[in-house]
Amino acid sequence: MDPVIGLNVGRMVVGAVALSKPDLLARLLGLDVSNAQWPYISRMFGGREIALGAVTILAKGTARRNLVAAGITVDATDAVSGLLALREKSVNPVLAGGLVVTGLAAVATGAGGLRDS
């Protein structure tokens, strides 16, 4: 499978879970769901992930390259957010490490997709 397609299908699946089942996403990520505002934040995140994934898959040429670059920026921000969460001790260290690794893997996949296109 084309890495750009795979990455963005994954992005859309995560987005769909965040949008439709915010508490499930929180449990899968090991996050605290006691904040009543969590579903709102999760659904905002989910909608953006679905939109970015869908438009990237549908785009061609330069537009696709630009959207992949935007996705790399989003994924790098996710990795940095994991590092900050680790430093701030706001999430479990194992979870923070997983967030960092996942973000960096997505960056590498996106960069590979850009290189191959």
Protein backbone atom coordinates (compact mmCIF):
# COMPACT_ATOMS: atom_id res chain seq x y z
CA MET A 1 0.00 0.00 0.00
CA ASP A 2 1.15 3.54 -0.74
CA PRO A 3 2.48 4.92 2.60
CA VAL A 4 0.59 8.19 2.14
CA ILE A 5 -2.69 6.30 1.67
CA GLY A 6 -1.99 4.02 4.65
CA LEU A 7 -1.03 6.89 6.91
CA ASN A 8 -4.13 8.89 6.02
CA VAL A 9 -6.51 5.94 6.30
CA GLY A 10 -5.07 5.46 9.80
CA ARG A 11 -5.53 9.17 10.49
CA MET A 12 -9.18 8.92 9.43
CA VAL A 13 -9.80 5.81 11.58
CA VAL A 14 -8.36 7.53 14.66
CA GLY A 15 -10.43 10.59 13.80
CA ALA A 16 -13.60 8.53 13.46
CA VAL A 17 -13.04 6.93 16.87
CA ALA A 18 -12.29 10.34 18.42
CA LEU A 19 -15.46 11.76 16.89
CA SER A 20 -17.84 8.90 17.61
CA LYS A 21 -16.44 7.38 20.80
CA PRO A 22 -14.34 9.94 22.69
CA ASP A 23 -14.29 7.88 25.89
CA LEU A 24 -13.04 4.82 24.00
CA LEU A 25 -10.20 6.84 22.49
CA ALA A 26 -9.26 8.15 25.93
CA ARG A 27 -9.22 4.64 27.39
CA LEU A 28 -7.14 3.31 24.47
CA LEU A 29 -4.65 6.13 25.04
CA GLY A 30 -4.69 5.76 28.81
CA LEU A 31 -6.01 9.29 29.32
CA ASP A 32 -8.12 10.54 32.21
CA VAL A 33 -11.72 11.05 31.10
CA SER A 34 -12.87 12.73 34.32
CA ASN A 35 -12.86 16.16 32.64
CA ALA A 36 -16.36 16.73 31.27
CA GLN A 37 -14.85 18.74 28.40
CA TRP A 38 -12.93 15.74 27.02
CA PRO A 39 -15.64 14.67 24.49
CA TYR A 40 -15.70 18.19 23.00
CA ILE A 41 -11.90 18.30 22.57
CA SER A 42 -11.83 14.73 21.23
CA ARG A 43 -14.51 15.47 18.64
CA MET A 44 -12.72 18.63 17.47
CA PHE A 45 -9.54 16.60 17.04
CA GLY A 46 -11.44 13.80 15.28
CA GLY A 47 -13.07 16.07 12.74
CA ARG A 48 -9.73 17.59 11.81
CA GLU A 49 -8.06 14.19 11.47
CA ILE A 50 -10.83 12.94 9.19
CA ALA A 51 -10.71 16.08 7.06
CA LEU A 52 -6.91 16.08 6.71
CA GLY A 53 -6.85 12.37 5.87
CA ALA A 54 -9.65 12.58 3.33
CA VAL A 55 -8.40 15.61 1.44
CA THR A 56 -4.88 14.18 1.33
CA ILE A 57 -6.10 10.91 -0.15
CA LEU A 58 -8.24 12.73 -2.73
CA ALA A 59 -5.60 15.28 -3.73
CA LYS A 60 -3.16 14.91 -6.63
CA GLY A 61 0.17 16.43 -7.56
CA THR A 62 1.38 19.53 -5.78
CA ALA A 63 -1.77 19.76 -3.66
CA ARG A 64 -1.14 16.27 -2.30
CA ARG A 65 2.51 17.06 -1.58
CA ASN A 66 1.44 20.19 0.33
CA LEU A 67 -1.15 18.25 2.32
CA VAL A 68 1.39 15.54 3.18
CA ALA A 69 3.71 18.31 4.39
CA ALA A 70 0.87 19.70 6.53
CA GLY A 71 0.32 16.20 7.94
CA ILE A 72 4.02 15.94 8.77
CA THR A 73 3.72 19.20 10.69
CA VAL A 74 0.69 17.91 12.59
CA ASP A 75 2.44 14.63 13.41
CA ALA A 76 5.62 16.42 14.52
CA THR A 77 3.47 18.57 16.80
CA ASP A 78 1.96 15.38 18.24
CA ALA A 79 5.47 14.06 18.98
CA VAL A 80 6.51 17.33 20.64
CA SER A 81 3.27 17.30 22.65
CA GLY A 82 4.21 13.84 23.92
CA LEU A 83 7.63 15.14 24.98
CA LEU A 84 6.02 18.08 26.77
CA ALA A 85 3.55 15.76 28.51
CA LEU A 86 6.47 13.63 29.67
CA ARG A 87 8.35 16.67 30.96
CA GLU A 88 5.25 18.05 32.68
CA LYS A 89 4.34 14.61 34.07
CA SER A 90 0.79 15.12 32.81
CA VAL A 91 0.52 11.59 31.38
CA ASN A 92 2.03 8.24 32.25
CA PRO A 93 5.65 8.03 30.98
CA VAL A 94 4.91 4.90 28.94
CA LEU A 95 1.98 6.66 27.27
CA ALA A 96 4.08 9.77 26.61
CA GLY A 97 6.76 7.58 25.00
CA GLY A 98 4.14 5.91 22.84
CA LEU A 99 2.81 9.27 21.72
CA VAL A 100 6.30 10.44 20.80
CA VAL A 101 7.13 7.24 18.91
CA THR A 102 3.79 7.25 17.08
CA GLY A 103 4.21 10.89 16.06
CA LEU A 104 7.77 10.32 14.86
CA ALA A 105 6.76 7.19 12.94
CA ALA A 106 4.02 9.17 11.20
CA VAL A 107 6.54 11.92 10.37
CA ALA A 108 8.90 9.33 8.88
CA THR A 109 6.09 7.72 6.89
CA GLY A 110 4.94 11.08 5.54
CA ALA A 111 8.51 12.08 4.68
CA GLY A 112 8.97 8.75 2.88
CA GLY A 113 5.80 9.40 0.94
CA LEU A 114 7.06 12.83 -0.08
CA ARG A 115 10.40 11.37 -1.17
CA ASP A 116 8.72 8.67 -3.25
CA SER A 117 6.33 11.07 -5.00
